[in-house]
Amino acid sequence: VGDLTAMGIYNIWYHLEAEGVQILQDGHDAVLMQIPTEKLAALLPRVLKLLSVPIEVTDVKGITRPMLIPWSCGLGHNWSKKSEDNPEGIDEKWQKNPDASIQIISTAVKKAFA
């Protein structure tokens, strides 16, 4: 997962840095970045696509197939989760909350530790 995240981060840096996307932190299975608010609607789908890096995996029976780990995201004005005490925090319902900062979280890893 860490290698796939690193490849996705490289893709984002290479393709979107000039458009104002700034990578702030690599969290092994998460990426913390910021995107200009006025560009969020246009850039967020591209960020998610660039993070999705398919790789070939071979199972114990020798069968090779593509694997793609899906990504989800949350948005907020600070790095903590949204709560009553922190209304500007990360909200994973980003479609209803287009804020300036974005945290991308690997859906697969998030479900594994839920």
N, C-alpha and C. Protein backbone atom coordinates (compact mmCIF):
# COMPACT_ATOMS: atom_id res chain seq x y z
N VAL A 1 0.83 -1.19 0.00
CA VAL A 1 0.00 0.00 0.00
C VAL A 1 0.87 1.25 0.00
N GLY A 2 1.96 1.23 0.76
CA GLY A 2 2.85 2.38 0.80
C GLY A 2 3.46 2.70 -0.55
N ASP A 3 3.86 1.66 -1.29
CA ASP A 3 4.43 1.88 -2.63
C ASP A 3 3.39 2.46 -3.59
N LEU A 4 2.16 1.94 -3.52
CA LEU A 4 1.09 2.46 -4.39
C LEU A 4 0.78 3.91 -4.05
N THR A 5 0.78 4.23 -2.76
CA THR A 5 0.56 5.61 -2.34
C THR A 5 1.66 6.51 -2.88
N ALA A 6 2.91 6.05 -2.79
CA ALA A 6 4.03 6.84 -3.30
C ALA A 6 3.91 7.08 -4.81
N MET A 7 3.48 6.06 -5.54
CA MET A 7 3.30 6.23 -6.99
C MET A 7 2.19 7.23 -7.28
N GLY A 8 1.11 7.16 -6.50
CA GLY A 8 0.01 8.11 -6.67
C GLY A 8 0.44 9.53 -6.35
N ILE A 9 1.23 9.69 -5.28
CA ILE A 9 1.74 11.02 -4.91
C ILE A 9 2.61 11.58 -6.04
N TYR A 10 3.45 10.75 -6.60
CA TYR A 10 4.28 11.21 -7.72
C TYR A 10 3.39 11.67 -8.87
N ASN A 11 2.36 10.89 -9.19
CA ASN A 11 1.45 11.26 -10.28
C ASN A 11 0.80 12.62 -10.03
N ILE A 12 0.35 12.83 -8.80
CA ILE A 12 -0.28 14.10 -8.45
C ILE A 12 0.72 15.24 -8.58
N TRP A 13 1.90 15.05 -8.02
CA TRP A 13 2.93 16.09 -8.11
C TRP A 13 3.25 16.41 -9.57
N TYR A 14 3.47 15.38 -10.36
CA TYR A 14 3.88 15.56 -11.76
C TYR A 14 2.80 16.27 -12.58
N HIS A 15 1.54 15.88 -12.39
CA HIS A 15 0.47 16.38 -13.24
C HIS A 15 -0.27 17.60 -12.68
N LEU A 16 -0.26 17.80 -11.37
CA LEU A 16 -1.14 18.83 -10.80
C LEU A 16 -0.44 19.91 -9.97
N GLU A 17 0.87 19.81 -9.77
CA GLU A 17 1.54 20.83 -8.98
C GLU A 17 1.38 22.21 -9.60
N ALA A 18 1.48 22.30 -10.90
CA ALA A 18 1.36 23.58 -11.59
C ALA A 18 -0.04 24.18 -11.46
N GLU A 19 -1.02 23.35 -11.11
CA GLU A 19 -2.39 23.84 -10.94
C GLU A 19 -2.70 24.18 -9.49
N GLY A 20 -1.70 24.14 -8.63
CA GLY A 20 -1.88 24.57 -7.25
C GLY A 20 -2.08 23.48 -6.22
N VAL A 21 -2.02 22.22 -6.63
CA VAL A 21 -2.15 21.13 -5.66
C VAL A 21 -0.83 20.99 -4.91
N GLN A 22 -0.89 21.06 -3.60
CA GLN A 22 0.30 20.94 -2.77
C GLN A 22 0.18 19.71 -1.88
N ILE A 23 1.16 18.82 -1.97
CA ILE A 23 1.20 17.63 -1.12
C ILE A 23 1.89 18.04 0.18
N LEU A 24 1.22 17.79 1.30
CA LEU A 24 1.73 18.19 2.60
C LEU A 24 2.31 17.03 3.39
N GLN A 25 1.73 15.84 3.24
CA GLN A 25 2.21 14.71 4.04
C GLN A 25 1.84 13.38 3.38
N ASP A 26 2.77 12.44 3.45
CA ASP A 26 2.54 11.06 3.02
C ASP A 26 2.38 10.24 4.28
N GLY A 27 1.20 9.66 4.46
CA GLY A 27 0.93 8.89 5.66
C GLY A 27 0.89 7.40 5.42
N HIS A 28 1.69 6.86 4.54
CA HIS A 28 1.78 5.45 4.16
C HIS A 28 0.54 5.01 3.38
N ASP A 29 -0.65 5.13 3.96
CA ASP A 29 -1.87 4.76 3.26
C ASP A 29 -2.82 5.95 3.16
N ALA A 30 -2.28 7.14 3.31
CA ALA A 30 -3.07 8.37 3.23
C ALA A 30 -2.18 9.49 2.69
N VAL A 31 -2.81 10.48 2.11
CA VAL A 31 -2.09 11.64 1.59
C VAL A 31 -2.81 12.88 2.09
N LEU A 32 -2.06 13.78 2.69
CA LEU A 32 -2.63 15.06 3.10
C LEU A 32 -2.15 16.10 2.12
N MET A 33 -3.09 16.84 1.54
CA MET A 33 -2.73 17.84 0.54
C MET A 33 -3.69 19.01 0.64
N GLN A 34 -3.36 20.08 -0.06
CA GLN A 34 -4.29 21.20 -0.16
C GLN A 34 -4.47 21.58 -1.62
N ILE A 35 -5.71 22.01 -1.89
CA ILE A 35 -6.12 22.37 -3.25
C ILE A 35 -6.82 23.72 -3.15
N PRO A 36 -6.52 24.65 -4.06
CA PRO A 36 -7.25 25.93 -4.03
C PRO A 36 -8.76 25.70 -4.13
N THR A 37 -9.51 26.38 -3.28
CA THR A 37 -10.96 26.19 -3.22
C THR A 37 -11.61 26.35 -4.58
N GLU A 38 -11.19 27.37 -5.33
CA GLU A 38 -11.84 27.64 -6.61
C GLU A 38 -11.56 26.56 -7.66
N LYS A 39 -10.58 25.70 -7.41
CA LYS A 39 -10.25 24.63 -8.36
C LYS A 39 -10.66 23.25 -7.85
N LEU A 40 -11.26 23.19 -6.68
CA LEU A 40 -11.55 21.90 -6.05
C LEU A 40 -12.45 21.00 -6.89
N ALA A 41 -13.53 21.54 -7.41
CA ALA A 41 -14.47 20.72 -8.19
C ALA A 41 -13.81 20.12 -9.42
N ALA A 42 -12.92 20.86 -10.05
CA ALA A 42 -12.25 20.36 -11.26
C ALA A 42 -11.11 19.40 -10.92
N LEU A 43 -10.38 19.67 -9.83
CA LEU A 43 -9.17 18.89 -9.55
C LEU A 43 -9.40 17.63 -8.72
N LEU A 44 -10.42 17.62 -7.87
CA LEU A 44 -10.62 16.46 -7.01
C LEU A 44 -10.81 15.15 -7.77
N PRO A 45 -11.64 15.11 -8.82
CA PRO A 45 -11.73 13.85 -9.58
C PRO A 45 -10.40 13.44 -10.20
N ARG A 46 -9.61 14.40 -10.63
CA ARG A 46 -8.30 14.09 -11.21
C ARG A 46 -7.34 13.55 -10.15
N VAL A 47 -7.39 14.12 -8.94
CA VAL A 47 -6.56 13.62 -7.84
C VAL A 47 -6.89 12.15 -7.57
N LEU A 48 -8.17 11.84 -7.45
CA LEU A 48 -8.57 10.45 -7.16
C LEU A 48 -8.14 9.51 -8.27
N LYS A 49 -8.25 9.96 -9.52
CA LYS A 49 -7.83 9.12 -10.64
C LYS A 49 -6.31 8.89 -10.63
N LEU A 50 -5.55 9.95 -10.34
CA LEU A 50 -4.09 9.83 -10.33
C LEU A 50 -3.60 8.96 -9.17
N LEU A 51 -4.36 8.89 -8.08
CA LEU A 51 -3.98 8.03 -6.96
C LEU A 51 -4.22 6.55 -7.26
N SER A 52 -5.13 6.27 -8.17
CA SER A 52 -5.50 4.90 -8.47
C SER A 52 -4.49 4.29 -9.44
N VAL A 53 -3.54 3.57 -8.88
CA VAL A 53 -2.45 2.98 -9.65
C VAL A 53 -2.64 1.46 -9.69
N PRO A 54 -3.03 0.90 -10.83
CA PRO A 54 -3.20 -0.56 -10.91
C PRO A 54 -1.84 -1.27 -10.96
N ILE A 55 -1.78 -2.41 -10.31
CA ILE A 55 -0.57 -3.24 -10.37
C ILE A 55 -0.99 -4.68 -10.63
N GLU A 56 -0.06 -5.44 -11.19
CA GLU A 56 -0.29 -6.86 -11.43
C GLU A 56 0.11 -7.63 -10.18
N VAL A 57 -0.76 -8.53 -9.72
CA VAL A 57 -0.43 -9.37 -8.57
C VAL A 57 -0.65 -10.83 -8.96
N THR A 58 0.17 -11.70 -8.39
CA THR A 58 0.06 -13.13 -8.64
C THR A 58 -0.32 -13.80 -7.33
N ASP A 59 -1.41 -14.57 -7.35
CA ASP A 59 -1.87 -15.23 -6.13
C ASP A 59 -1.11 -16.54 -5.90
N VAL A 60 -1.46 -17.24 -4.84
CA VAL A 60 -0.74 -18.46 -4.47
C VAL A 60 -0.92 -19.58 -5.48
N LYS A 61 -1.93 -19.49 -6.37
CA LYS A 61 -2.14 -20.49 -7.41
C LYS A 61 -1.44 -20.12 -8.71
N GLY A 62 -0.71 -19.00 -8.70
CA GLY A 62 0.02 -18.57 -9.88
C GLY A 62 -0.80 -17.76 -10.87
N ILE A 63 -1.99 -17.36 -10.49
CA ILE A 63 -2.85 -16.57 -11.37
C ILE A 63 -2.51 -15.09 -11.17
N THR A 64 -2.20 -14.43 -12.29
CA THR A 64 -1.86 -13.01 -12.25
C THR A 64 -3.04 -12.20 -12.77
N ARG A 65 -3.34 -11.14 -12.05
CA ARG A 65 -4.45 -10.26 -12.44
C ARG A 65 -4.18 -8.85 -11.93
N PRO A 66 -4.87 -7.85 -12.49
CA PRO A 66 -4.67 -6.48 -12.02
C PRO A 66 -5.36 -6.25 -10.67
N MET A 67 -4.72 -5.46 -9.82
CA MET A 67 -5.31 -5.08 -8.54
C MET A 67 -5.34 -3.55 -8.48
N LEU A 68 -6.44 -3.01 -8.02
CA LEU A 68 -6.59 -1.57 -7.89
C LEU A 68 -7.23 -1.28 -6.54
N ILE A 69 -6.53 -0.54 -5.69
CA ILE A 69 -7.05 -0.17 -4.39
C ILE A 69 -7.84 1.12 -4.54
N PRO A 70 -9.13 1.11 -4.19
CA PRO A 70 -9.93 2.33 -4.34
C PRO A 70 -9.58 3.37 -3.27
N TRP A 71 -9.84 4.63 -3.56
CA TRP A 71 -9.56 5.74 -2.65
C TRP A 71 -10.84 6.50 -2.36
N SER A 72 -10.90 7.08 -1.18
CA SER A 72 -11.97 8.01 -0.83
C SER A 72 -11.31 9.26 -0.27
N CYS A 73 -12.09 10.26 0.06
CA CYS A 73 -11.46 11.48 0.56
C CYS A 73 -12.35 12.19 1.57
N GLY A 74 -11.72 13.08 2.29
CA GLY A 74 -12.41 13.96 3.22
C GLY A 74 -11.84 15.35 3.08
N LEU A 75 -12.63 16.37 3.39
CA LEU A 75 -12.20 17.75 3.24
C LEU A 75 -12.37 18.51 4.54
N GLY A 76 -11.49 19.47 4.79
CA GLY A 76 -11.61 20.32 5.96
C GLY A 76 -10.56 21.42 5.95
N HIS A 77 -10.67 22.32 6.93
CA HIS A 77 -9.72 23.44 7.03
C HIS A 77 -8.61 23.16 8.03
N ASN A 78 -8.62 21.99 8.68
CA ASN A 78 -7.53 21.59 9.56
C ASN A 78 -7.40 20.08 9.51
N TRP A 79 -6.42 19.51 10.20
CA TRP A 79 -6.10 18.10 10.05
C TRP A 79 -6.91 17.18 10.96
N SER A 80 -7.67 17.73 11.87
CA SER A 80 -8.47 16.89 12.78
C SER A 80 -9.82 16.58 12.15
N LYS A 81 -10.47 15.54 12.67
CA LYS A 81 -11.79 15.17 12.16
C LYS A 81 -12.83 16.20 12.59
N LYS A 82 -13.85 16.37 11.76
CA LYS A 82 -14.93 17.29 12.05
C LYS A 82 -15.72 16.79 13.27
N SER A 83 -16.04 17.70 14.16
CA SER A 83 -16.84 17.37 15.34
C SER A 83 -17.55 18.64 15.80
N GLU A 84 -18.35 18.52 16.87
CA GLU A 84 -19.00 19.72 17.41
C GLU A 84 -17.96 20.73 17.87
N ASP A 85 -16.87 20.24 18.45
CA ASP A 85 -15.81 21.12 18.93
C ASP A 85 -14.90 21.61 17.79
N ASN A 86 -14.95 20.94 16.64
CA ASN A 86 -14.08 21.28 15.52
C ASN A 86 -14.90 21.27 14.22
N PRO A 87 -15.78 22.25 14.03
CA PRO A 87 -16.64 22.25 12.84
C PRO A 87 -15.89 22.45 11.52
N GLU A 88 -14.65 22.92 11.58
CA GLU A 88 -13.84 23.13 10.38
C GLU A 88 -12.95 21.93 10.06
N GLY A 89 -13.09 20.84 10.81
CA GLY A 89 -12.26 19.67 10.62
C GLY A 89 -12.63 18.86 9.39
N ILE A 90 -11.92 17.77 9.19
CA ILE A 90 -12.10 16.93 8.01
C ILE A 90 -13.46 16.24 8.04
N ASP A 91 -14.20 16.44 6.98
CA ASP A 91 -15.53 15.85 6.80
C ASP A 91 -15.43 14.90 5.61
N GLU A 92 -15.75 13.64 5.84
CA GLU A 92 -15.64 12.66 4.76
C GLU A 92 -16.81 12.74 3.79
N LYS A 93 -17.78 13.58 4.06
CA LYS A 93 -18.89 13.80 3.13
C LYS A 93 -18.54 15.02 2.28
N TRP A 94 -17.45 14.92 1.53
CA TRP A 94 -16.88 16.06 0.82
C TRP A 94 -17.79 16.66 -0.23
N GLN A 95 -18.70 15.89 -0.79
CA GLN A 95 -19.57 16.44 -1.83
C GLN A 95 -20.42 17.58 -1.27
N LYS A 96 -20.71 17.53 0.02
CA LYS A 96 -21.54 18.56 0.65
C LYS A 96 -20.69 19.62 1.34
N ASN A 97 -19.39 19.48 1.33
CA ASN A 97 -18.52 20.37 2.09
C ASN A 97 -17.25 20.70 1.31
N PRO A 98 -17.34 21.48 0.23
CA PRO A 98 -16.16 21.76 -0.59
C PRO A 98 -15.23 22.80 0.05
N ASP A 99 -14.39 22.36 0.98
CA ASP A 99 -13.46 23.25 1.66
C ASP A 99 -12.12 23.29 0.94
N ALA A 100 -11.16 24.03 1.50
CA ALA A 100 -9.89 24.27 0.84
C ALA A 100 -8.89 23.13 0.98
N SER A 101 -8.95 22.34 2.02
CA SER A 101 -7.97 21.28 2.22
C SER A 101 -8.60 19.94 1.95
N ILE A 102 -7.77 18.98 1.59
CA ILE A 102 -8.29 17.65 1.27
C ILE A 102 -7.38 16.60 1.85
N GLN A 103 -7.99 15.57 2.42
CA GLN A 103 -7.21 14.43 2.88
C GLN A 103 -7.73 13.22 2.12
N ILE A 104 -6.86 12.53 1.46
CA ILE A 104 -7.23 11.34 0.72
C ILE A 104 -6.86 10.13 1.58
N ILE A 105 -7.80 9.21 1.73
CA ILE A 105 -7.59 8.05 2.58
C ILE A 105 -7.88 6.79 1.77
N SER A 106 -7.04 5.81 1.88
CA SER A 106 -7.28 4.55 1.19
C SER A 106 -8.51 3.87 1.78
N THR A 107 -9.52 3.67 0.94
CA THR A 107 -10.76 3.05 1.40
C THR A 107 -10.51 1.64 1.93
N ALA A 108 -9.67 0.90 1.26
CA ALA A 108 -9.43 -0.48 1.68
C ALA A 108 -8.81 -0.54 3.07
N VAL A 109 -7.83 0.28 3.32
CA VAL A 109 -7.17 0.28 4.63
C VAL A 109 -8.11 0.82 5.69
N LYS A 110 -8.87 1.83 5.36
CA LYS A 110 -9.83 2.41 6.32
C LYS A 110 -10.83 1.35 6.75
N LYS A 111 -11.37 0.57 5.82
CA LYS A 111 -12.34 -0.47 6.16
C LYS A 111 -11.68 -1.57 7.00
N ALA A 112 -10.44 -1.87 6.74
CA ALA A 112 -9.76 -2.93 7.47
C ALA A 112 -9.60 -2.60 8.95
N PHE A 113 -9.47 -1.32 9.28
CA PHE A 113 -9.26 -0.92 10.65
C PHE A 113 -10.49 -0.32 11.29
N ALA A 114 -11.64 -0.38 10.61
CA ALA A 114 -12.89 0.20 11.16
C ALA A 114 -13.44 -0.65 12.30
